[in-house]
Amino acid sequence: MKSQFICVRFIATALLALGCCSFAFAQDQKTELGESRESSGPGLTGAGAGRSRTTAAKPGKADGLGNPILGGERHPLYRLRPSDVVEISFTIAPEFNQTLTIQPDGYVTLKDAGMVDAQGLNLEQFGNAVQQAYRGYLHEPEVAVALKEFERPYFIVGGEVGKPGKYELRSDTTVAEAVQIAGGLTQQAKHSQVVLFRLVNDDLVETRLLNLKKMLKESGLKEDAHLRPGDMIFVPQNAISKIARFLTKPSLSMYLSPAQF
């Protein structure tokens, strides 16, 4: 009897231990399933269940300079410069409406409000400056500013081209294309040493020497430079043209070979 009692007690203890283990295992499975659902987001199943959620950037953000950021790329706002023409309109006081040209020193003279520094400001900043200038004359002035005229991007081509001059830079343009826009090379042009001048700042100018003859002959336009606003291209005169007025053609062909140019 005693041995049977011990056996029954052992079986009951084993069953109790087995039940506790099953309960603990079920709790662990439930916890893991809950964490998996939280990481994958509500209502997300299938292949994307284990992926983390991402938040899209809100449009219309701006950097520290007030320039809008679109698609992760900063788009700088236009900054006013001398000779630009701006139109100022007042909602409540149209008698103060005016059209002004920014002076060479960067200032504009407002009607009854004096001078305001406009150079380097974008339109929003300039509107705030005008609004601040008229606070002594108008109660909470509402100002709208519009850019009427401005200096468009340009490039200059000089030297031995058909039509030297200043041209508007309307799209992506290379040096070879700019030379064609300016009428092409003349017979006196030394197109193996075309010079590109680029203004880095007020005290520094960058120069680059381009061999258009080689590029056009070998169709290697990958080496062609792309222009920036304000660039200047100069095509020099070849050596034959410089001395041709002093020599007759027979003597010129005797001493010089055109292939070297």
C-alpha atoms as a PDB file:
ATOM      1  CA  MET A   1       0.000   0.000   0.000  1.00  0.00           C
ATOM      2  CA  LYS A   2       2.774   2.357   0.934  1.00  0.00           C
ATOM      3  CA  SER A   3       4.554   1.789  -2.370  1.00  0.00           C
ATOM      4  CA  GLN A   4       1.321   2.381  -4.311  1.00  0.00           C
ATOM      5  CA  PHE A   5       0.764   5.657  -2.427  1.00  0.00           C
ATOM      6  CA  ILE A   6       4.278   6.792  -3.255  1.00  0.00           C
ATOM      7  CA  CYS A   7       3.768   5.947  -6.958  1.00  0.00           C
ATOM      8  CA  VAL A   8       0.491   7.853  -7.168  1.00  0.00           C
ATOM      9  CA  ARG A   9       2.105  10.867  -5.461  1.00  0.00           C
ATOM     10  CA  PHE A  10       5.008  10.786  -7.903  1.00  0.00           C
ATOM     11  CA  ILE A  11       2.654  10.674 -10.903  1.00  0.00           C
ATOM     12  CA  ALA A  12       0.642  13.658  -9.567  1.00  0.00           C
ATOM     13  CA  THR A  13       3.821  15.679  -9.038  1.00  0.00           C
ATOM     14  CA  ALA A  14       5.023  14.914 -12.551  1.00  0.00           C
ATOM     15  CA  LEU A  15       1.679  15.935 -14.077  1.00  0.00           C
ATOM     16  CA  LEU A  16       1.753  19.216 -12.113  1.00  0.00           C
ATOM     17  CA  ALA A  17       5.287  20.007 -13.285  1.00  0.00           C
ATOM     18  CA  LEU A  18       4.338  19.221 -16.899  1.00  0.00           C
ATOM     19  CA  GLY A  19       1.367  21.592 -16.681  1.00  0.00           C
ATOM     20  CA  CYS A  20       3.536  24.433 -15.346  1.00  0.00           C
ATOM     21  CA  CYS A  21       6.027  23.990 -18.184  1.00  0.00           C
ATOM     22  CA  SER A  22       3.245  24.067 -20.797  1.00  0.00           C
ATOM     23  CA  PHE A  23       1.823  27.284 -19.307  1.00  0.00           C
ATOM     24  CA  ALA A  24       5.245  28.983 -19.292  1.00  0.00           C
ATOM     25  CA  PHE A  25       5.892  27.953 -22.908  1.00  0.00           C
ATOM     26  CA  ALA A  26       2.514  29.363 -23.986  1.00  0.00           C
ATOM     27  CA  GLN A  27       3.288  32.678 -22.259  1.00  0.00           C
ATOM     28  CA  ASP A  28       6.661  32.937 -24.019  1.00  0.00           C
ATOM     29  CA  GLN A  29       5.071  32.303 -27.416  1.00  0.00           C
ATOM     30  CA  LYS A  30       2.440  34.958 -26.726  1.00  0.00           C
ATOM     31  CA  THR A  31       5.105  37.510 -25.722  1.00  0.00           C
ATOM     32  CA  GLU A  32       7.194  36.847 -28.845  1.00  0.00           C
ATOM     33  CA  LEU A  33       4.127  37.143 -31.063  1.00  0.00           C
ATOM     34  CA  GLY A  34       3.202  40.485 -29.483  1.00  0.00           C
ATOM     35  CA  GLU A  35       6.716  41.886 -29.983  1.00  0.00           C
ATOM     36  CA  SER A  36       6.713  40.759 -33.610  1.00  0.00           C
ATOM     37  CA  ARG A  37       3.426  42.537 -34.258  1.00  0.00           C
ATOM     38  CA  GLU A  38       4.675  45.744 -32.633  1.00  0.00           C
ATOM     39  CA  SER A  39       7.835  45.793 -34.750  1.00  0.00           C
ATOM     40  CA  SER A  40       5.979  45.137 -37.997  1.00  0.00           C
ATOM     41  CA  GLY A  41       3.224  47.657 -37.341  1.00  0.00           C
ATOM     42  CA  PRO A  42      -0.519  47.181 -37.069  1.00  0.00           C
ATOM     43  CA  GLY A  43      -2.186  45.250 -39.857  1.00  0.00           C
ATOM     44  CA  LEU A  44       1.142  44.282 -41.501  1.00  0.00           C
ATOM     45  CA  THR A  45       1.414  40.629 -42.450  1.00  0.00           C
ATOM     46  CA  GLY A  46       3.225  38.418 -44.917  1.00  0.00           C
ATOM     47  CA  ALA A  47       6.629  39.348 -46.333  1.00  0.00           C
ATOM     48  CA  GLY A  48       6.681  42.767 -44.712  1.00  0.00           C
ATOM     49  CA  ALA A  49       5.830  41.574 -41.205  1.00  0.00           C
ATOM     50  CA  GLY A  50       9.419  41.728 -39.954  1.00  0.00           C
ATOM     51  CA  ARG A  51      10.327  45.107 -41.451  1.00  0.00           C
ATOM     52  CA  SER A  52      10.591  48.319 -39.506  1.00  0.00           C
ATOM     53  CA  ARG A  53       8.340  51.261 -40.316  1.00  0.00           C
ATOM     54  CA  THR A  54       9.689  54.457 -41.911  1.00  0.00           C
ATOM     55  CA  THR A  55       8.238  57.943 -41.778  1.00  0.00           C
ATOM     56  CA  ALA A  56       8.215  60.056 -44.933  1.00  0.00           C
ATOM     57  CA  ALA A  57       9.692  63.560 -44.704  1.00  0.00           C
ATOM     58  CA  LYS A  58       7.123  66.317 -44.736  1.00  0.00           C
ATOM     59  CA  PRO A  59       7.284  68.608 -47.787  1.00  0.00           C
ATOM     60  CA  GLY A  60       7.863  72.298 -47.411  1.00  0.00           C
ATOM     61  CA  LYS A  61      10.770  72.158 -44.961  1.00  0.00           C
ATOM     62  CA  ALA A  62      13.506  74.752 -45.125  1.00  0.00           C
ATOM     63  CA  ASP A  63      17.163  74.901 -44.188  1.00  0.00           C
ATOM     64  CA  GLY A  64      18.807  77.387 -41.855  1.00  0.00           C
ATOM     65  CA  LEU A  65      19.009  80.020 -44.633  1.00  0.00           C
ATOM     66  CA  GLY A  66      15.307  79.906 -45.419  1.00  0.00           C
ATOM     67  CA  ASN A  67      15.772  77.923 -48.633  1.00  0.00           C
ATOM     68  CA  PRO A  68      13.145  75.214 -49.317  1.00  0.00           C
ATOM     69  CA  ILE A  69      14.211  71.564 -49.295  1.00  0.00           C
ATOM     70  CA  LEU A  70      12.427  69.540 -51.984  1.00  0.00           C
ATOM     71  CA  GLY A  71      13.048  65.817 -52.346  1.00  0.00           C
ATOM     72  CA  GLY A  72      16.064  65.981 -50.016  1.00  0.00           C
ATOM     73  CA  GLU A  73      17.830  68.547 -52.203  1.00  0.00           C
ATOM     74  CA  ARG A  74      18.235  72.194 -51.244  1.00  0.00           C
ATOM     75  CA  HIS A  75      16.936  74.683 -53.801  1.00  0.00           C
ATOM     76  CA  PRO A  76      18.421  78.130 -53.071  1.00  0.00           C
ATOM     77  CA  LEU A  77      16.096  81.110 -53.368  1.00  0.00           C
ATOM     78  CA  TYR A  78      17.015  83.997 -55.638  1.00  0.00           C
ATOM     79  CA  ARG A  79      18.921  86.766 -53.854  1.00  0.00           C
ATOM     80  CA  LEU A  80      18.497  90.367 -54.912  1.00  0.00           C
ATOM     81  CA  ARG A  81      21.396  92.171 -56.546  1.00  0.00           C
ATOM     82  CA  PRO A  82      22.064  95.616 -58.037  1.00  0.00           C
ATOM     83  CA  SER A  83      19.997  96.552 -61.110  1.00  0.00           C
ATOM     84  CA  ASP A  84      17.150  94.208 -60.134  1.00  0.00           C
ATOM     85  CA  VAL A  85      13.694  95.797 -60.287  1.00  0.00           C
ATOM     86  CA  VAL A  86      11.184  95.009 -57.530  1.00  0.00           C
ATOM     87  CA  GLU A  87       7.521  95.922 -57.244  1.00  0.00           C
ATOM     88  CA  ILE A  88       6.113  96.697 -53.780  1.00  0.00           C
ATOM     89  CA  SER A  89       2.357  96.571 -53.180  1.00  0.00           C
ATOM     90  CA  PHE A  90       0.402  97.488 -50.032  1.00  0.00           C
ATOM     91  CA  THR A  91      -2.964  95.847 -49.375  1.00  0.00           C
ATOM     92  CA  ILE A  92      -4.497  98.623 -47.261  1.00  0.00           C
ATOM     93  CA  ALA A  93      -2.464 101.646 -48.408  1.00  0.00           C
ATOM     94  CA  PRO A  94      -2.077 101.467 -52.226  1.00  0.00           C
ATOM     95  CA  GLU A  95      -0.752 105.040 -52.266  1.00  0.00           C
ATOM     96  CA  PHE A  96       2.563 103.570 -51.090  1.00  0.00           C
ATOM     97  CA  ASN A  97       2.792 101.146 -54.026  1.00  0.00           C
ATOM     98  CA  GLN A  98       6.069 101.606 -55.893  1.00  0.00           C
ATOM     99  CA  THR A  99       8.494 100.022 -58.341  1.00  0.00           C
ATOM    100  CA  LEU A 100      12.152 100.362 -57.405  1.00  0.00           C
ATOM    101  CA  THR A 101      15.534  99.561 -58.933  1.00  0.00           C
ATOM    102  CA  ILE A 102      18.233  98.333 -56.580  1.00  0.00           C
ATOM    103  CA  GLN A 103      21.108 100.785 -56.670  1.00  0.00           C
ATOM    104  CA  PRO A 104      24.754  99.793 -57.317  1.00  0.00           C
ATOM    105  CA  ASP A 105      25.414 100.032 -53.561  1.00  0.00           C
ATOM    106  CA  GLY A 106      22.621  97.525 -52.870  1.00  0.00           C
ATOM    107  CA  TYR A 107      20.112  99.977 -51.349  1.00  0.00           C
ATOM    108  CA  VAL A 108      16.628 101.067 -52.404  1.00  0.00           C
ATOM    109  CA  THR A 109      14.934 104.308 -51.364  1.00  0.00           C
ATOM    110  CA  LEU A 110      11.405 103.701 -50.108  1.00  0.00           C
ATOM    111  CA  LYS A 111       8.746 106.370 -50.417  1.00  0.00           C
ATOM    112  CA  ASP A 112       8.595 108.310 -47.110  1.00  0.00           C
ATOM    113  CA  ALA A 113      10.513 105.539 -45.320  1.00  0.00           C
ATOM    114  CA  GLY A 114      14.135 106.109 -46.311  1.00  0.00           C
ATOM    115  CA  MET A 115      16.769 103.652 -47.495  1.00  0.00           C
ATOM    116  CA  VAL A 116      16.731  99.887 -47.026  1.00  0.00           C
ATOM    117  CA  ASP A 117      19.561  97.487 -47.799  1.00  0.00           C
ATOM    118  CA  ALA A 118      18.193  94.930 -50.292  1.00  0.00           C
ATOM    119  CA  GLN A 119      21.295  93.274 -51.737  1.00  0.00           C
ATOM    120  CA  GLY A 120      21.640  89.604 -50.805  1.00  0.00           C
ATOM    121  CA  LEU A 121      18.071  89.266 -49.491  1.00  0.00           C
ATOM    122  CA  ASN A 122      15.486  86.914 -50.937  1.00  0.00           C
ATOM    123  CA  LEU A 123      12.007  88.276 -51.656  1.00  0.00           C
ATOM    124  CA  GLU A 124      10.556  87.163 -48.325  1.00  0.00           C
ATOM    125  CA  GLN A 125      13.374  88.785 -46.360  1.00  0.00           C
ATOM    126  CA  PHE A 126      13.101  91.967 -48.407  1.00  0.00           C
ATOM    127  CA  GLY A 127       9.338  92.079 -47.811  1.00  0.00           C
ATOM    128  CA  ASN A 128       9.942  91.813 -44.067  1.00  0.00           C
ATOM    129  CA  ALA A 129      12.484  94.655 -44.254  1.00  0.00           C
ATOM    130  CA  VAL A 130      10.008  96.884 -46.109  1.00  0.00           C
ATOM    131  CA  GLN A 131       7.275  96.012 -43.619  1.00  0.00           C
ATOM    132  CA  GLN A 132       9.563  96.938 -40.733  1.00  0.00           C
ATOM    133  CA  ALA A 133      10.496 100.248 -42.396  1.00  0.00           C
ATOM    134  CA  TYR A 134       6.826 101.303 -42.692  1.00  0.00           C
ATOM    135  CA  ARG A 135       5.757 100.410 -39.162  1.00  0.00           C
ATOM    136  CA  GLY A 136       6.257 104.047 -38.167  1.00  0.00           C
ATOM    137  CA  TYR A 137       3.844 105.196 -40.881  1.00  0.00           C
ATOM    138  CA  LEU A 138       1.269 102.400 -41.124  1.00  0.00           C
ATOM    139  CA  HIS A 139      -0.409 100.200 -38.518  1.00  0.00           C
ATOM    140  CA  GLU A 140       0.528  96.574 -39.229  1.00  0.00           C
ATOM    141  CA  PRO A 141       1.332  97.113 -42.930  1.00  0.00           C
ATOM    142  CA  GLU A 142       0.684  94.198 -45.285  1.00  0.00           C
ATOM    143  CA  VAL A 143       3.335  94.137 -48.019  1.00  0.00           C
ATOM    144  CA  ALA A 144       3.672  92.026 -51.179  1.00  0.00           C
ATOM    145  CA  VAL A 145       6.953  92.048 -53.118  1.00  0.00           C
ATOM    146  CA  ALA A 146       7.423  90.842 -56.707  1.00  0.00           C
ATOM    147  CA  LEU A 147      10.587  90.589 -58.814  1.00  0.00           C
ATOM    148  CA  LYS A 148       9.937  92.371 -62.107  1.00  0.00           C
ATOM    149  CA  GLU A 149      13.363  92.433 -63.765  1.00  0.00           C
ATOM    150  CA  PHE A 150      16.634  90.696 -63.009  1.00  0.00           C
ATOM    151  CA  GLU A 151      19.927  89.929 -64.707  1.00  0.00           C
ATOM    152  CA  ARG A 152      19.577  86.606 -66.475  1.00  0.00           C
ATOM    153  CA  PRO A 153      22.448  84.104 -66.503  1.00  0.00           C
ATOM    154  CA  TYR A 154      24.883  84.789 -69.337  1.00  0.00           C
ATOM    155  CA  PHE A 155      28.221  83.842 -70.854  1.00  0.00           C
ATOM    156  CA  ILE A 156      30.676  85.828 -72.998  1.00  0.00           C
ATOM    157  CA  VAL A 157      32.572  84.640 -76.075  1.00  0.00           C
ATOM    158  CA  GLY A 158      35.432  86.714 -77.459  1.00  0.00           C
ATOM    159  CA  GLY A 159      38.359  86.436 -79.823  1.00  0.00           C
ATOM    160  CA  GLU A 160      38.325  84.618 -83.131  1.00  0.00           C
ATOM    161  CA  VAL A 161      34.644  83.709 -83.448  1.00  0.00           C
ATOM    162  CA  GLY A 162      32.044  84.826 -85.949  1.00  0.00           C
ATOM    163  CA  LYS A 163      29.918  86.889 -83.524  1.00  0.00           C
ATOM    164  CA  PRO A 164      31.743  87.812 -80.328  1.00  0.00           C
ATOM    165  CA  GLY A 165      29.473  89.059 -77.572  1.00  0.00           C
ATOM    166  CA  LYS A 166      27.352  88.356 -74.504  1.00  0.00           C
ATOM    167  CA  TYR A 167      24.802  85.534 -74.716  1.00  0.00           C
ATOM    168  CA  GLU A 168      22.029  84.371 -72.419  1.00  0.00           C
ATOM    169  CA  LEU A 169      22.677  81.036 -70.704  1.00  0.00           C
ATOM    170  CA  ARG A 170      19.258  79.415 -71.007  1.00  0.00           C
ATOM    171  CA  SER A 171      20.194  75.758 -70.589  1.00  0.00           C
ATOM    172  CA  ASP A 172      23.102  73.400 -70.032  1.00  0.00           C
ATOM    173  CA  THR A 173      25.754  74.550 -72.527  1.00  0.00           C
ATOM    174  CA  THR A 174      29.312  73.405 -73.173  1.00  0.00           C
ATOM    175  CA  VAL A 175      32.258  75.419 -74.491  1.00  0.00           C
ATOM    176  CA  ALA A 176      32.026  73.815 -77.936  1.00  0.00           C
ATOM    177  CA  GLU A 177      28.313  74.621 -78.105  1.00  0.00           C
ATOM    178  CA  ALA A 178      28.930  78.199 -76.945  1.00  0.00           C
ATOM    179  CA  VAL A 179      31.484  78.723 -79.724  1.00  0.00           C
ATOM    180  CA  GLN A 180      28.910  77.575 -82.272  1.00  0.00           C
ATOM    181  CA  ILE A 181      26.292  79.893 -80.763  1.00  0.00           C
ATOM    182  CA  ALA A 182      28.782  82.742 -81.212  1.00  0.00           C
ATOM    183  CA  GLY A 183      29.084  82.073 -84.931  1.00  0.00           C
ATOM    184  CA  GLY A 184      31.760  79.393 -84.925  1.00  0.00           C
ATOM    185  CA  LEU A 185      35.534  79.698 -85.275  1.00  0.00           C
ATOM    186  CA  THR A 186      37.159  81.953 -87.837  1.00  0.00           C
ATOM    187  CA  GLN A 187      39.989  80.875 -90.134  1.00  0.00           C
ATOM    188  CA  GLN A 188      42.434  82.732 -87.901  1.00  0.00           C
ATOM    189  CA  ALA A 189      41.361  80.893 -84.722  1.00  0.00           C
ATOM    190  CA  LYS A 190      43.794  78.770 -82.746  1.00  0.00           C
ATOM    191  CA  HIS A 191      41.198  76.260 -81.617  1.00  0.00           C
ATOM    192  CA  SER A 192      43.792  74.064 -79.936  1.00  0.00           C
ATOM    193  CA  GLN A 193      44.154  76.602 -77.100  1.00  0.00           C
ATOM    194  CA  VAL A 194      40.704  77.938 -76.237  1.00  0.00           C
ATOM    195  CA  VAL A 195      40.677  79.583 -72.799  1.00  0.00           C
ATOM    196  CA  LEU A 196      37.780  79.388 -70.341  1.00  0.00           C
ATOM    197  CA  PHE A 197      37.746  82.081 -67.633  1.00  0.00           C
ATOM    198  CA  ARG A 198      35.605  81.490 -64.539  1.00  0.00           C
ATOM    199  CA  LEU A 199      35.196  83.968 -61.686  1.00  0.00           C
ATOM    200  CA  VAL A 200      35.623  82.175 -58.350  1.00  0.00           C
ATOM    201  CA  ASN A 201      35.274  85.284 -56.182  1.00  0.00           C
ATOM    202  CA  ASP A 202      36.028  89.001 -56.367  1.00  0.00           C
ATOM    203  CA  ASP A 203      39.788  88.372 -56.199  1.00  0.00           C
ATOM    204  CA  LEU A 204      40.246  85.004 -57.907  1.00  0.00           C
ATOM    205  CA  VAL A 205      39.673  83.893 -61.513  1.00  0.00           C
ATOM    206  CA  GLU A 206      40.036  80.262 -62.585  1.00  0.00           C
ATOM    207  CA  THR A 207      41.340  79.518 -66.101  1.00  0.00           C
ATOM    208  CA  ARG A 208      41.131  76.309 -68.107  1.00  0.00           C
ATOM    209  CA  LEU A 209      42.779  75.531 -71.433  1.00  0.00           C
ATOM    210  CA  LEU A 210      40.725  73.440 -73.874  1.00  0.00           C
ATOM    211  CA  ASN A 211      41.860  71.783 -77.091  1.00  0.00           C
ATOM    212  CA  LEU A 212      38.717  72.039 -79.210  1.00  0.00           C
ATOM    213  CA  LYS A 213      40.611  70.874 -82.288  1.00  0.00           C
ATOM    214  CA  LYS A 214      41.460  67.555 -80.662  1.00  0.00           C
ATOM    215  CA  MET A 215      38.008  67.098 -79.142  1.00  0.00           C
ATOM    216  CA  LEU A 216      36.208  67.712 -82.426  1.00  0.00           C
ATOM    217  CA  LYS A 217      38.648  65.611 -84.444  1.00  0.00           C
ATOM    218  CA  GLU A 218      38.473  62.620 -82.082  1.00  0.00           C
ATOM    219  CA  SER A 219      34.810  63.135 -81.123  1.00  0.00           C
ATOM    220  CA  GLY A 220      35.966  63.296 -77.514  1.00  0.00           C
ATOM    221  CA  LEU A 221      33.381  65.772 -76.265  1.00  0.00           C
ATOM    222  CA  LYS A 222      33.383  64.147 -72.829  1.00  0.00           C
ATOM    223  CA  GLU A 223      36.297  66.448 -71.996  1.00  0.00           C
ATOM    224  CA  ASP A 224      34.244  69.491 -72.964  1.00  0.00           C
ATOM    225  CA  ALA A 225      33.521  71.870 -70.065  1.00  0.00           C
ATOM    226  CA  HIS A 226      30.013  72.878 -69.044  1.00  0.00           C
ATOM    227  CA  LEU A 227      29.459  76.592 -68.620  1.00  0.00           C
ATOM    228  CA  ARG A 228      28.372  78.416 -65.507  1.00  0.00           C
ATOM    229  CA  PRO A 229      26.747  81.858 -65.355  1.00  0.00           C
ATOM    230  CA  GLY A 230      29.342  84.592 -65.927  1.00  0.00           C
ATOM    231  CA  ASP A 231      31.906  82.378 -67.718  1.00  0.00           C
ATOM    232  CA  MET A 232      33.994  83.916 -70.498  1.00  0.00           C
ATOM    233  CA  ILE A 233      35.464  82.030 -73.461  1.00  0.00           C
ATOM    234  CA  PHE A 234      38.389  83.456 -75.411  1.00  0.00           C
ATOM    235  CA  VAL A 235      39.594  82.017 -78.730  1.00  0.00           C
ATOM    236  CA  PRO A 236      43.088  83.304 -79.539  1.00  0.00           C
ATOM    237  CA  GLN A 237      44.539  84.004 -82.954  1.00  0.00           C
ATOM    238  CA  ASN A 238      46.883  81.437 -84.440  1.00  0.00           C
ATOM    239  CA  ALA A 239      50.550  82.179 -85.079  1.00  0.00           C
ATOM    240  CA  ILE A 240      50.171  82.083 -88.876  1.00  0.00           C
ATOM    241  CA  SER A 241      47.625  84.892 -88.804  1.00  0.00           C
ATOM    242  CA  LYS A 242      49.862  87.015 -86.595  1.00  0.00           C
ATOM    243  CA  ILE A 243      52.796  87.001 -89.016  1.00  0.00           C
ATOM    244  CA  ALA A 244      50.950  86.540 -92.298  1.00  0.00           C
ATOM    245  CA  ARG A 245      50.852  90.292 -92.946  1.00  0.00           C
ATOM    246  CA  PHE A 246      54.663  90.422 -92.898  1.00  0.00           C
ATOM    247  CA  LEU A 247      55.364  87.418 -95.174  1.00  0.00           C
ATOM    248  CA  THR A 248      54.335  86.397 -98.642  1.00  0.00           C
ATOM    249  CA  LYS A 249      52.509  83.102 -99.032  1.00  0.00           C
ATOM    250  CA  PRO A 250      55.403  81.230-100.734  1.00  0.00           C
ATOM    251  CA  SER A 251      57.874  82.144 -98.007  1.00  0.00           C
ATOM    252  CA  LEU A 252      55.291  81.320 -95.323  1.00  0.00           C
ATOM    253  CA  SER A 253      54.735  77.808 -96.650  1.00  0.00           C
ATOM    254  CA  MET A 254      58.479  77.310 -96.897  1.00  0.00           C
ATOM    255  CA  TYR A 255      59.229  77.978 -93.230  1.00  0.00           C
ATOM    256  CA  LEU A 256      56.035  76.964 -91.442  1.00  0.00           C
ATOM    257  CA  SER A 257      53.912  73.846 -91.517  1.00  0.00           C
ATOM    258  CA  PRO A 258      50.186  74.461 -90.826  1.00  0.00           C
ATOM    259  CA  ALA A 259      49.917  70.996 -89.238  1.00  0.00           C
ATOM    260  CA  GLN A 260      51.776  72.173 -86.143  1.00  0.00           C
ATOM    261  CA  PHE A 261      48.980  74.600 -85.365  1.00  0.00           C
END
